[in-house]
Amino acid sequence: MSAPGVPGTARPAHIPPPNPNLAQQQQQVVEVGQVGSAQNPLVIDPNAPMTEETQKMLCKEKLNIVVVASECAPFAKTGGLGDVAAALPKGLQARGHRVMVVMPRYKNYDGAVDTGVRITFNVMGHPAEVGYFHMHKNGVDTVFIDHQCYHSVADNIYAGDRHAANFRNAMLCQAAIEAVWHVPCGEDRTPYGDSDLVYMANDWHTSLLPVYLSAYYQDHGKLPYARSVFVIHNMAFQGRGPLDEFYSLQLPDHYKEHFYLDDPFGGECMNQMQAGLKFASKIIAVSAGYAWEITTDMGGWGLAPLLREQGDKLTGIVNGIDLEEWSPEYDSFLDGDGYTRFIPDASGFEGKLECKRALQRQLGLPERDDVPLLGFIGRLDHQKGVDLITDARHWLMGQDVQLVMLGSGRDDLEQSLRSMENDHKDKCRCWVGFSVEMAHRITAGCDILLMPSRFEPCGLNQLYAMRYGTVPVVHAVGGLRETVRPYNPHTKEGTGWQFDEALTNKFQEAVGWALGTYREDKDTFKKIQLSGMQQDLSWGLAAERYEEKLIEAKYSW
């Protein structure tokens, strides 16, 4: 008799675009094929095409990697997960791996072709036929799981009650596991097969994947050498629910203990993330700082004791950024309306100033070169610390500054933003809503970016900001603490400012240091900008570190 969910049959521009997927650049560039050493390090020209020979040099051991996520830009995105699910696969593929992204088909996506493959799964006790659509672009395969339950949430992908969410997530995990057998991929239209296979589950939406891989397949002699890696983007959401929900997942009774959790945050419950973490071969948090934070009682949201037991199974790797999307010399959102592309080095300061003037004009603010222009981009909620900005409104507006804010979320915070603008129309603009174009233009035009998040697993806006020469002021948590080096007035080194507690006075103090440096020491402020712009913020180094952990997972038992 076949396992639940397993069908009975056997499965076997004017500036050249960047290559964002290279490891950290060194000073010397050598010809492809010339072997590097400590004295003569191997460095690939970042604008050179990624040849098969280059990939072989970068790749330590070729894997078949399946990245499974509930969202992936540009098809569906609500936050950083969507960006990572789009960019990391390109970084891994550039190192020579075969990479597939599996996500729901919420809508009709241009370029996604119906493969004609239809498989019926037992999803939470109900037979459900899914279709597989496929796209091959930039060397990466994207497989879309097609079912009516995804179409029904096309405009709000996390809508619906717990049962509906569990059904969508369980279907995604089961269909993703079997995609390697059924879906013709790549230019040669061949399935991945089950050799050298590592699945990457992302957040609680896909936390059932490691569990199903074990219960539905490996317990029945299938996919015995496949491994799974669990990537934690946000520990706060864990798929908690009533204990009785376990039985709807169609798992053997002895798996129930892996879901059971009794903790001060929620009492007795079924916890899907806990089970996924237990069955994954490796656990990766999206920064080293966050990997530590989630082992603390405050940061672990009830799972800290489990995570503290994991040892070197748990690690942290900070995200990179996709330089094809977020770098001022390639940014198409800076074309027109007085904005301009610029090189992220000392030659780009004049272009950045033009972007500042254009942003002031577009938003109806006084066009002044001398005034510090501050920005905020993000959700309006408790996590993002927006209330620290609104609580500091009188102090901020008492400074000779301009403030631009972009975001949506809690009604009370949206109203606070509107009130700030109404009271200070010569200094403040608050765009309630979201615009990708404005996010790029604010990042390019502002002098200082505010990120007072109460917790931030990695954060991407601070990375984008530094690439554009916008200096971040951040709360020293998670990836913010790791990626923004606090300015040291003695050595005059750093890439921004940090404050160590989510308190209004601490926030004001850090912003005050940034404003003082901007006004009184322009040369130092420009040096801070340059330090941020000249970092290697690409996915190259992150992809190499992921590769190491994926290879370790392959050999884990």
Protein backbone atom coordinates (compact mmCIF):
# COMPACT_ATOMS: atom_id res chain seq x y z
CA MET A 1 0.00 0.00 0.00
CA SER A 2 1.37 3.38 -0.92
CA ALA A 3 1.98 6.07 1.67
CA PRO A 4 -0.61 8.86 2.10
CA GLY A 5 -0.09 11.50 -0.56
CA VAL A 6 2.07 9.21 -2.72
CA PRO A 7 0.49 7.97 -5.93
CA GLY A 8 0.94 4.25 -6.36
CA THR A 9 3.28 4.33 -9.34
CA ALA A 10 7.07 4.39 -8.98
CA ARG A 11 8.78 7.82 -9.54
CA PRO A 12 12.04 8.12 -10.60
CA ALA A 13 21.28 49.23 -20.91
CA HIS A 14 23.87 51.49 -21.68
CA ILE A 15 25.91 50.09 -18.88
CA PRO A 16 26.45 46.35 -19.20
CA PRO A 17 24.32 44.40 -16.71
CA PRO A 18 26.13 43.23 -13.61
CA ASN A 19 26.83 39.70 -12.61
CA PRO A 20 25.55 39.85 -9.00
CA ASN A 21 26.34 36.24 -8.24
CA LEU A 22 30.05 36.27 -7.66
CA ALA A 23 31.94 35.71 -4.44
CA GLN A 24 33.50 38.70 -2.76
CA GLN A 25 35.68 40.59 -5.21
CA GLN A 26 39.41 40.97 -4.63
CA GLN A 27 41.65 43.63 -6.07
CA GLN A 28 43.25 41.50 -8.76
CA VAL A 29 41.30 40.18 -11.74
CA VAL A 30 42.74 37.09 -13.41
CA GLU A 31 41.82 35.31 -16.59
CA VAL A 32 39.18 32.62 -16.34
CA GLY A 33 40.98 29.33 -15.92
CA GLN A 34 43.95 30.78 -14.06
CA VAL A 35 44.01 29.12 -10.65
CA GLY A 36 44.27 31.51 -7.73
CA SER A 37 46.20 31.22 -4.51
CA ALA A 38 46.62 33.09 -1.27
CA GLN A 39 49.22 35.28 -2.95
CA ASN A 40 47.37 35.41 -6.25
CA PRO A 41 43.66 35.03 -5.43
CA LEU A 42 41.18 33.87 -8.01
CA VAL A 43 38.85 36.69 -8.93
CA ILE A 44 36.37 36.74 -11.77
CA ASP A 45 35.64 39.92 -13.69
CA PRO A 46 32.17 40.90 -12.40
CA ASN A 47 31.02 42.04 -15.86
CA ALA A 48 32.27 38.95 -17.67
CA PRO A 49 29.71 36.37 -18.83
CA MET A 50 29.33 33.40 -16.50
CA THR A 51 30.71 30.57 -18.61
CA GLU A 52 30.39 26.87 -17.85
CA GLU A 53 34.12 26.81 -17.14
CA THR A 54 33.75 29.62 -14.60
CA GLN A 55 30.88 27.79 -12.90
CA LYS A 56 33.00 24.65 -12.59
CA MET A 57 35.71 26.64 -10.84
CA LEU A 58 33.25 28.17 -8.40
CA CYS A 59 31.18 25.06 -7.70
CA LYS A 60 32.52 22.85 -4.92
CA GLU A 61 30.11 19.99 -5.62
CA LYS A 62 27.20 20.15 -8.03
CA LEU A 63 23.77 19.73 -6.46
CA ASN A 64 20.17 19.60 -7.59
CA ILE A 65 18.57 22.29 -5.40
CA VAL A 66 14.82 22.81 -5.01
CA VAL A 67 13.86 26.11 -3.34
CA VAL A 68 10.27 25.98 -2.09
CA ALA A 69 8.51 29.19 -1.04
CA SER A 70 5.03 30.64 -0.81
CA GLU A 71 6.19 33.75 -2.67
CA CYS A 72 8.88 34.70 -5.14
CA ALA A 73 9.43 38.04 -6.85
CA PRO A 74 8.37 39.28 -9.30
CA PHE A 75 5.42 36.87 -9.40
CA ALA A 76 4.22 37.25 -5.80
CA LYS A 77 5.87 39.26 -3.05
CA THR A 78 4.82 40.60 0.34
CA GLY A 79 8.25 41.01 1.93
CA GLY A 80 11.88 39.97 2.00
CA LEU A 81 11.10 36.28 1.50
CA GLY A 82 9.94 37.03 -2.04
CA ASP A 83 13.19 38.85 -2.82
CA VAL A 84 15.37 36.08 -1.39
CA ALA A 85 13.45 33.34 -3.22
CA ALA A 86 14.17 35.18 -6.46
CA ALA A 87 17.80 36.19 -5.95
CA LEU A 88 19.41 33.31 -4.05
CA PRO A 89 18.59 30.72 -6.74
CA LYS A 90 20.37 32.88 -9.31
CA GLY A 91 23.40 33.04 -7.04
CA LEU A 92 23.44 29.26 -6.59
CA GLN A 93 22.93 28.63 -10.30
CA ALA A 94 25.82 30.94 -11.10
CA ARG A 95 28.04 28.69 -9.01
CA GLY A 96 27.16 25.73 -11.22
CA HIS A 97 24.21 24.10 -9.45
CA ARG A 98 20.94 23.09 -11.06
CA VAL A 99 18.28 25.13 -9.28
CA MET A 100 14.49 24.95 -9.28
CA VAL A 101 12.13 27.34 -7.49
CA VAL A 102 8.71 25.92 -6.64
CA MET A 103 5.87 28.30 -5.75
CA PRO A 104 2.07 28.47 -6.14
CA ARG A 105 0.56 29.69 -9.40
CA TYR A 106 -1.61 32.44 -7.99
CA LYS A 107 -2.22 34.07 -11.37
CA ASN A 108 -1.39 33.69 -15.05
CA TYR A 109 2.30 34.52 -15.37
CA ASP A 110 3.77 35.51 -18.72
CA GLY A 111 6.28 32.94 -19.88
CA ALA A 112 5.02 30.13 -17.63
CA VAL A 113 4.12 27.16 -19.82
CA ASP A 114 1.70 24.38 -18.93
CA THR A 115 3.74 21.17 -18.88
CA GLY A 116 0.65 19.02 -19.15
CA VAL A 117 1.71 17.14 -16.02
CA ARG A 118 -1.18 16.43 -13.65
CA ILE A 119 -0.74 14.56 -10.35
CA THR A 120 -3.39 13.75 -7.75
CA PHE A 121 -2.31 13.99 -4.10
CA ASN A 122 -4.06 13.14 -0.88
CA VAL A 123 -4.06 16.60 0.70
CA MET A 124 -5.41 16.63 4.23
CA GLY A 125 -7.65 13.65 3.45
CA HIS A 126 -8.98 14.96 0.15
CA PRO A 127 -7.86 13.96 -3.37
CA ALA A 128 -6.55 17.06 -5.15
CA GLU A 129 -5.24 17.22 -8.70
CA VAL A 130 -2.49 19.77 -9.28
CA GLY A 131 -0.93 21.00 -12.49
CA TYR A 132 2.66 22.01 -13.07
CA PHE A 133 3.60 25.11 -15.07
CA HIS A 134 7.23 25.83 -15.91
CA MET A 135 9.51 28.72 -16.83
CA HIS A 136 13.24 28.59 -17.55
CA LYS A 137 14.93 31.97 -17.27
CA ASN A 138 18.50 33.04 -16.49
CA GLY A 139 19.45 29.41 -15.97
CA VAL A 140 16.90 28.89 -13.17
CA ASP A 141 13.79 26.71 -13.44
CA THR A 142 10.63 28.10 -11.84
CA VAL A 143 7.83 25.57 -11.34
CA PHE A 144 4.35 26.86 -10.52
CA ILE A 145 1.89 24.59 -8.69
CA ASP A 146 -1.55 25.12 -10.19
CA HIS A 147 -4.78 24.62 -8.22
CA GLN A 148 -7.93 26.62 -7.62
CA CYS A 149 -7.05 27.18 -3.94
CA TYR A 150 -4.15 29.42 -5.06
CA HIS A 151 -6.19 31.34 -7.63
CA SER A 152 -8.72 32.24 -4.94
CA VAL A 153 -6.09 34.18 -2.94
CA ALA A 154 -4.39 35.82 -5.90
CA ASP A 155 -4.84 39.33 -4.52
CA ASN A 156 -3.93 38.43 -0.92
CA ILE A 157 -1.82 35.29 -0.88
CA TYR A 158 -2.08 34.73 2.87
CA ALA A 159 -5.85 35.22 3.07
CA GLY A 160 -8.30 32.71 4.49
CA ASP A 161 -8.69 30.74 7.68
CA ARG A 162 -6.23 28.27 9.17
CA HIS A 163 -7.73 25.28 7.40
CA ALA A 164 -7.43 26.97 4.01
CA ALA A 165 -3.84 28.04 4.72
CA ASN A 166 -2.89 24.54 5.90
CA PHE A 167 -4.42 23.04 2.75
CA ARG A 168 -2.45 25.37 0.45
CA ASN A 169 0.78 24.79 2.34
CA ALA A 170 0.42 21.01 2.52
CA MET A 171 -0.33 20.85 -1.21
CA LEU A 172 2.69 23.03 -2.05
CA CYS A 173 5.03 20.83 -0.02
CA GLN A 174 3.77 17.56 -1.47
CA ALA A 175 3.78 18.84 -5.05
CA ALA A 176 7.27 20.34 -4.63
CA ILE A 177 8.76 17.08 -3.40
CA GLU A 178 7.55 15.23 -6.49
CA ALA A 179 8.38 17.97 -9.01
CA VAL A 180 11.87 16.50 -9.41
CA TRP A 181 10.35 13.34 -10.88
CA HIS A 182 7.68 14.76 -13.16
CA VAL A 183 8.51 18.23 -14.49
CA PRO A 184 10.68 18.55 -17.62
CA CYS A 185 13.13 21.36 -16.83
CA GLY A 186 16.01 23.26 -18.35
CA GLU A 187 16.76 23.77 -21.99
CA ASP A 188 17.02 20.00 -22.48
CA ARG A 189 13.60 19.45 -20.85
CA THR A 190 14.73 16.74 -18.44
CA PRO A 191 13.46 16.20 -14.86
CA TYR A 192 15.90 16.74 -12.01
CA GLY A 193 15.66 13.22 -10.66
CA ASP A 194 16.56 12.31 -7.11
CA SER A 195 20.38 12.31 -7.12
CA ASP A 196 22.37 14.96 -5.20
CA LEU A 197 19.04 16.43 -4.15
CA VAL A 198 18.55 19.09 -1.47
CA TYR A 199 15.24 20.82 -0.76
CA MET A 200 15.16 24.28 0.81
CA ALA A 201 12.02 25.05 2.84
CA ASN A 202 11.39 28.70 3.68
CA ASP A 203 9.47 29.76 6.80
CA TRP A 204 6.48 28.03 8.33
CA HIS A 205 4.47 27.92 5.09
CA THR A 206 6.77 25.13 3.87
CA SER A 207 7.66 23.63 7.23
CA LEU A 208 5.75 20.44 6.38
CA LEU A 209 8.19 19.64 3.58
CA PRO A 210 10.92 18.05 5.77
CA VAL A 211 8.18 16.15 7.64
CA TYR A 212 6.46 14.85 4.50
CA LEU A 213 9.83 13.96 2.97
CA SER A 214 10.43 11.69 5.96
CA ALA A 215 6.92 10.31 6.55
CA TYR A 216 5.59 9.95 3.00
CA TYR A 217 8.79 8.99 1.23
CA GLN A 218 11.87 8.03 3.21
CA ASP A 219 9.90 5.88 5.65
CA HIS A 220 8.82 3.94 2.54
CA GLY A 221 12.24 3.65 0.91
CA LYS A 222 11.79 6.55 -1.52
CA LEU A 223 14.19 9.50 -1.88
CA PRO A 224 16.53 7.93 0.71
CA TYR A 225 19.40 10.32 -0.04
CA ALA A 226 17.42 13.54 -0.42
CA ARG A 227 17.99 16.12 2.29
CA SER A 228 16.15 19.25 3.42
CA VAL A 229 17.33 22.60 4.76
CA PHE A 230 15.00 24.92 6.69
CA VAL A 231 15.58 28.66 6.22
CA ILE A 232 14.13 30.94 8.93
CA HIS A 233 13.18 34.38 7.67
CA ASN A 234 10.77 35.22 10.50
CA MET A 235 10.54 33.23 13.73
CA ALA A 236 7.39 34.97 14.91
CA PHE A 237 5.12 32.98 12.57
CA GLN A 238 5.20 29.26 13.27
CA GLY A 239 1.94 27.71 12.08
CA ARG A 240 0.55 27.17 15.55
CA GLY A 241 -2.90 25.69 15.97
CA PRO A 242 -5.06 23.35 18.06
CA LEU A 243 -3.58 19.93 18.73
CA ASP A 244 -6.42 18.23 16.87
CA GLU A 245 -5.24 19.85 13.63
CA PHE A 246 -2.43 17.30 13.53
CA TYR A 247 -4.78 14.56 12.38
CA SER A 248 -5.81 16.54 9.30
CA LEU A 249 -2.21 16.40 8.03
CA GLN A 250 -2.55 12.65 7.34
CA LEU A 251 0.64 11.76 9.18
CA PRO A 252 1.29 8.59 11.22
CA ASP A 253 0.39 8.92 14.88
CA HIS A 254 3.98 8.65 16.08
CA TYR A 255 4.77 11.97 14.31
CA LYS A 256 2.43 13.84 16.64
CA GLU A 257 5.08 14.27 19.33
CA HIS A 258 7.20 16.31 16.93
CA PHE A 259 4.40 18.87 16.56
CA TYR A 260 3.44 19.11 20.22
CA LEU A 261 4.54 22.25 22.05
CA ASP A 262 3.66 23.58 25.49
CA ASP A 263 5.22 26.94 26.18
CA PRO A 264 4.46 30.26 27.93
CA PHE A 265 3.66 32.02 24.64
CA GLY A 266 0.66 29.94 23.73
CA GLY A 267 0.21 26.96 25.99
CA GLU A 268 -0.38 23.55 24.40
CA CYS A 269 -0.52 23.66 20.64
CA MET A 270 0.46 22.01 17.40
CA ASN A 271 3.49 23.79 15.99
CA GLN A 272 4.33 23.13 12.34
CA MET A 273 7.62 25.03 12.35
CA GLN A 274 8.88 22.97 15.28
CA ALA A 275 8.31 19.75 13.35
CA GLY A 276 10.01 21.15 10.26
CA LEU A 277 13.05 22.22 12.26
CA LYS A 278 13.35 18.78 13.82
CA PHE A 279 13.31 16.91 10.52
CA ALA A 280 15.49 19.31 8.51
CA SER A 281 19.12 18.33 8.03
CA LYS A 282 20.30 21.91 8.48
CA ILE A 283 18.72 25.13 9.78
CA ILE A 284 19.78 28.50 8.39
CA ALA A 285 18.69 31.86 9.81
CA VAL A 286 19.00 34.87 7.53
CA SER A 287 21.82 36.44 9.53
CA ALA A 288 24.28 35.30 12.17
CA GLY A 289 22.79 37.80 14.60
CA TYR A 290 19.32 36.41 14.09
CA ALA A 291 20.63 32.85 14.49
CA TRP A 292 21.74 33.87 17.97
CA GLU A 293 18.59 35.86 18.79
CA ILE A 294 16.24 32.95 18.07
CA THR A 295 18.07 30.84 20.66
CA THR A 296 17.11 33.38 23.34
CA ASP A 297 13.81 33.10 25.18
CA MET A 298 12.78 36.52 23.92
CA GLY A 299 13.69 35.89 20.28
CA GLY A 300 12.73 32.23 19.96
CA TRP A 301 8.98 32.65 20.38
CA GLY A 302 8.72 29.40 22.30
CA LEU A 303 11.20 27.40 20.21
CA ALA A 304 14.41 28.69 21.79
CA PRO A 305 14.97 25.51 23.88
CA LEU A 306 14.76 23.40 20.72
CA LEU A 307 17.09 25.68 18.80
CA ARG A 308 19.63 25.76 21.60
CA GLU A 309 19.91 21.99 21.25
CA GLN A 310 20.80 22.13 17.56
CA GLY A 311 24.49 22.98 17.86
CA ASP A 312 26.15 23.40 14.46
CA LYS A 313 22.97 22.26 12.72
CA LEU A 314 21.90 25.92 13.14
CA THR A 315 23.82 28.68 11.42
CA GLY A 316 23.23 32.19 10.11
CA ILE A 317 23.94 33.59 6.64
CA VAL A 318 23.20 37.21 5.90
CA ASN A 319 21.25 37.93 2.73
CA GLY A 320 22.68 39.66 -0.28
CA ILE A 321 20.94 41.95 -2.76
CA ASP A 322 20.18 41.46 -6.42
CA LEU A 323 22.34 44.07 -8.11
CA GLU A 324 20.34 43.74 -11.31
CA GLU A 325 17.38 45.16 -9.37
CA TRP A 326 19.03 47.31 -6.71
CA SER A 327 22.07 49.23 -7.87
CA PRO A 328 21.94 52.88 -8.95
CA GLU A 329 23.83 52.42 -12.22
CA TYR A 330 21.27 49.87 -13.50
CA ASP A 331 18.08 51.20 -11.89
CA SER A 332 15.46 51.92 -14.57
CA PHE A 333 13.24 53.63 -11.96
CA LEU A 334 15.77 56.47 -12.01
CA ASP A 335 15.08 57.20 -15.67
CA GLY A 336 12.94 60.31 -16.09
CA ASP A 337 11.35 62.97 -13.85
CA GLY A 338 14.78 64.50 -13.21
CA TYR A 339 16.24 61.38 -11.62
CA THR A 340 19.41 59.88 -13.00
CA ARG A 341 21.41 56.70 -12.71
CA PHE A 342 24.80 57.01 -11.03
CA ILE A 343 27.84 54.89 -10.30
CA PRO A 344 28.11 53.76 -6.65
CA ASP A 345 31.48 55.40 -6.05
CA ALA A 346 32.88 58.90 -5.59
CA SER A 347 31.96 59.82 -9.15
CA GLY A 348 28.30 59.23 -8.35
CA PHE A 349 27.76 61.98 -5.76
CA GLU A 350 26.54 64.50 -8.31
CA GLY A 351 24.06 61.98 -9.69
CA LYS A 352 22.81 61.20 -6.19
CA LEU A 353 22.32 64.92 -5.57
CA GLU A 354 20.23 65.13 -8.75
CA CYS A 355 18.07 62.31 -7.40
CA LYS A 356 17.62 64.20 -4.12
CA ARG A 357 16.48 67.32 -5.98
CA ALA A 358 14.14 65.26 -8.15
CA LEU A 359 12.60 63.58 -5.10
CA GLN A 360 12.04 66.93 -3.40
CA ARG A 361 10.37 68.30 -6.54
CA GLN A 362 8.22 65.21 -7.08
CA LEU A 363 6.93 65.31 -3.51
CA GLY A 364 6.50 69.08 -3.36
CA LEU A 365 9.18 69.73 -0.74
CA PRO A 366 11.45 72.78 -0.86
CA GLU A 367 14.38 71.99 -3.15
CA ARG A 368 17.38 72.40 -0.85
CA ASP A 369 20.75 70.72 -1.19
CA ASP A 370 21.83 71.59 2.33
CA VAL A 371 18.94 70.02 4.28
CA PRO A 372 19.32 66.39 5.44
CA LEU A 373 16.66 64.32 3.67
CA LEU A 374 15.54 61.34 5.82
CA GLY A 375 13.55 58.37 4.60
CA PHE A 376 11.61 55.37 5.89
CA ILE A 377 10.31 52.46 3.78
CA GLY A 378 8.41 49.57 5.30
CA ARG A 379 5.32 48.13 6.90
CA LEU A 380 3.60 50.32 9.45
CA ASP A 381 3.53 47.96 12.42
CA HIS A 382 5.05 47.30 15.83
CA GLN A 383 7.93 45.23 14.47
CA LYS A 384 9.22 48.01 12.22
CA GLY A 385 9.37 50.51 15.10
CA VAL A 386 7.43 53.19 13.24
CA ASP A 387 6.07 54.43 16.56
CA LEU A 388 9.60 55.51 17.51
CA ILE A 389 9.52 57.89 14.55
CA THR A 390 6.02 59.17 15.33
CA ASP A 391 6.87 59.54 19.04
CA ALA A 392 9.92 61.60 18.04
CA ARG A 393 7.91 63.72 15.60
CA HIS A 394 8.18 66.98 17.56
CA TRP A 395 11.93 66.59 17.99
CA LEU A 396 12.42 65.56 14.35
CA MET A 397 10.31 68.36 12.94
CA GLY A 398 12.13 70.77 15.21
CA GLN A 399 15.34 69.98 13.36
CA ASP A 400 16.12 71.49 9.99
CA VAL A 401 15.33 68.27 8.14
CA GLN A 402 12.98 66.81 5.57
CA LEU A 403 11.30 63.42 6.13
CA VAL A 404 9.79 61.09 3.52
CA MET A 405 7.93 57.94 4.62
CA LEU A 406 6.48 55.15 2.47
CA GLY A 407 4.39 52.27 3.79
CA SER A 408 1.05 50.91 4.86
CA GLY A 409 -0.23 48.85 7.76
CA ARG A 410 -1.92 49.63 11.06
CA ASP A 411 -4.69 52.20 10.82
CA ASP A 412 -3.46 54.19 13.82
CA LEU A 413 0.05 54.46 12.39
CA GLU A 414 -1.26 55.42 8.97
CA GLN A 415 -3.27 58.17 10.65
CA SER A 416 -0.20 59.33 12.59
CA LEU A 417 1.71 59.68 9.33
CA ARG A 418 -1.06 61.68 7.72
CA SER A 419 -1.15 63.92 10.79
CA MET A 420 2.62 64.49 10.64
CA GLU A 421 2.37 65.59 7.04
CA ASN A 422 -0.62 67.87 7.68
CA ASP A 423 1.18 69.56 10.58
CA HIS A 424 4.52 69.94 8.76
CA LYS A 425 3.81 70.25 5.06
CA ASP A 426 7.07 72.09 4.42
CA LYS A 427 9.13 69.26 5.93
CA CYS A 428 7.25 65.96 5.79
CA ARG A 429 5.70 63.75 3.14
CA CYS A 430 4.02 60.44 4.07
CA TRP A 431 2.96 58.14 1.24
CA VAL A 432 0.44 55.72 2.74
CA GLY A 433 0.47 52.70 0.46
CA PHE A 434 3.30 51.18 -1.49
CA SER A 435 5.02 51.89 -4.77
CA VAL A 436 8.06 49.99 -6.03
CA GLU A 437 9.07 53.01 -8.07
CA MET A 438 8.92 55.32 -5.06
CA ALA A 439 10.85 52.83 -2.93
CA HIS A 440 13.70 52.99 -5.45
CA ARG A 441 13.53 56.76 -5.74
CA ILE A 442 13.45 57.35 -1.99
CA THR A 443 16.42 55.01 -1.59
CA ALA A 444 18.35 56.94 -4.24
CA GLY A 445 17.35 60.45 -3.18
CA CYS A 446 17.58 60.38 0.61
CA ASP A 447 20.70 61.11 2.63
CA ILE A 448 19.73 58.98 5.65
CA LEU A 449 17.48 55.89 5.97
CA LEU A 450 15.68 55.21 9.27
CA MET A 451 15.26 51.54 10.30
CA PRO A 452 14.16 51.44 13.96
CA SER A 453 12.87 47.84 13.77
CA ARG A 454 12.27 46.08 17.08
CA PHE A 455 13.45 42.87 15.45
CA GLU A 456 14.78 42.32 11.97
CA PRO A 457 15.95 38.84 10.95
CA CYS A 458 18.12 40.27 8.19
CA GLY A 459 16.65 43.34 6.58
CA LEU A 460 17.18 44.36 2.98
CA ASN A 461 16.40 48.08 2.96
CA GLN A 462 19.60 48.91 4.80
CA LEU A 463 21.57 46.97 2.18
CA TYR A 464 19.78 48.73 -0.66
CA ALA A 465 20.39 52.08 1.04
CA MET A 466 24.12 51.56 1.44
CA ARG A 467 24.46 50.56 -2.21
CA TYR A 468 22.84 53.90 -3.16
CA GLY A 469 24.97 55.97 -0.76
CA THR A 470 22.13 56.49 1.70
CA VAL A 471 23.39 56.13 5.27
CA PRO A 472 21.30 53.87 7.55
CA VAL A 473 20.40 54.57 11.17
CA VAL A 474 19.30 51.23 12.63
CA HIS A 475 18.27 49.51 15.83
CA ALA A 476 21.08 47.06 16.64
CA VAL A 477 19.15 43.81 16.22
CA GLY A 478 19.45 40.76 13.96
CA GLY A 479 20.82 41.47 10.53
CA LEU A 480 20.84 45.24 11.11
CA ARG A 481 23.51 44.89 13.77
CA GLU A 482 25.50 42.58 11.50
CA THR A 483 25.37 44.54 8.24
CA VAL A 484 25.64 48.17 9.40
CA ARG A 485 29.02 48.95 10.95
CA PRO A 486 28.53 51.74 13.52
CA TYR A 487 30.51 54.86 12.76
CA ASN A 488 33.54 55.30 15.01
CA PRO A 489 34.42 59.01 15.38
CA HIS A 490 38.00 58.15 16.43
CA THR A 491 38.88 55.99 13.45
CA LYS A 492 36.32 57.71 11.20
CA GLU A 493 35.21 54.31 9.94
CA GLY A 494 31.76 52.77 9.61
CA THR A 495 28.75 52.57 7.34
CA GLY A 496 26.01 54.04 9.55
CA TRP A 497 24.73 54.49 13.09
CA GLN A 498 23.13 52.08 15.57
CA PHE A 499 21.12 52.44 18.76
CA ASP A 500 20.91 49.60 21.25
CA GLU A 501 17.38 49.88 22.69
CA ALA A 502 14.02 50.48 21.04
CA LEU A 503 13.46 53.68 22.99
CA THR A 504 12.61 57.08 21.56
CA ASN A 505 15.49 58.85 23.27
CA LYS A 506 17.99 56.25 21.99
CA PHE A 507 16.60 56.63 18.48
CA GLN A 508 16.83 60.42 18.68
CA GLU A 509 20.42 60.22 19.90
CA ALA A 510 21.51 58.07 16.95
CA VAL A 511 19.69 60.29 14.44
CA GLY A 512 21.27 63.31 16.12
CA TRP A 513 24.76 61.90 15.53
CA ALA A 514 23.93 61.32 11.87
CA LEU A 515 22.52 64.84 11.44
CA GLY A 516 25.48 66.41 13.21
CA THR A 517 27.96 64.61 11.00
CA TYR A 518 26.01 65.53 7.86
CA ARG A 519 26.00 69.23 8.77
CA GLU A 520 29.37 69.68 10.47
CA ASP A 521 31.66 67.15 8.77
CA LYS A 522 30.63 66.70 5.14
CA ASP A 523 33.86 64.91 4.22
CA THR A 524 33.33 62.28 6.90
CA PHE A 525 29.69 61.82 5.88
CA LYS A 526 30.80 61.24 2.28
CA LYS A 527 33.37 58.73 3.50
CA ILE A 528 30.60 56.85 5.32
CA GLN A 529 28.54 56.90 2.13
CA LEU A 530 31.46 55.56 0.10
CA SER A 531 32.14 52.81 2.62
CA GLY A 532 28.58 51.61 2.18
CA MET A 533 28.58 51.83 -1.60
CA GLN A 534 31.87 50.02 -2.07
CA GLN A 535 30.95 46.92 -0.07
CA ASP A 536 30.27 43.65 -1.84
CA LEU A 537 26.58 43.39 -1.06
CA SER A 538 25.79 40.94 -3.87
CA TRP A 539 24.48 37.42 -3.45
CA GLY A 540 27.86 35.99 -4.46
CA LEU A 541 29.34 35.58 -1.00
CA ALA A 542 26.01 34.52 0.52
CA ALA A 543 25.50 31.93 -2.22
CA GLU A 544 28.93 30.44 -1.49
CA ARG A 545 28.04 30.11 2.19
CA TYR A 546 24.69 28.55 1.36
CA GLU A 547 26.48 26.12 -0.92
CA GLU A 548 28.69 25.00 1.95
CA LYS A 549 25.67 24.29 4.16
CA LEU A 550 23.78 22.52 1.40
CA ILE A 551 26.74 20.23 0.80
CA GLU A 552 26.97 19.57 4.53
CA ALA A 553 23.27 18.71 4.49
CA LYS A 554 23.80 16.24 1.67
CA TYR A 555 26.18 14.25 3.86
CA SER A 556 24.11 14.57 7.04
CA TRP A 557 22.53 11.45 8.55
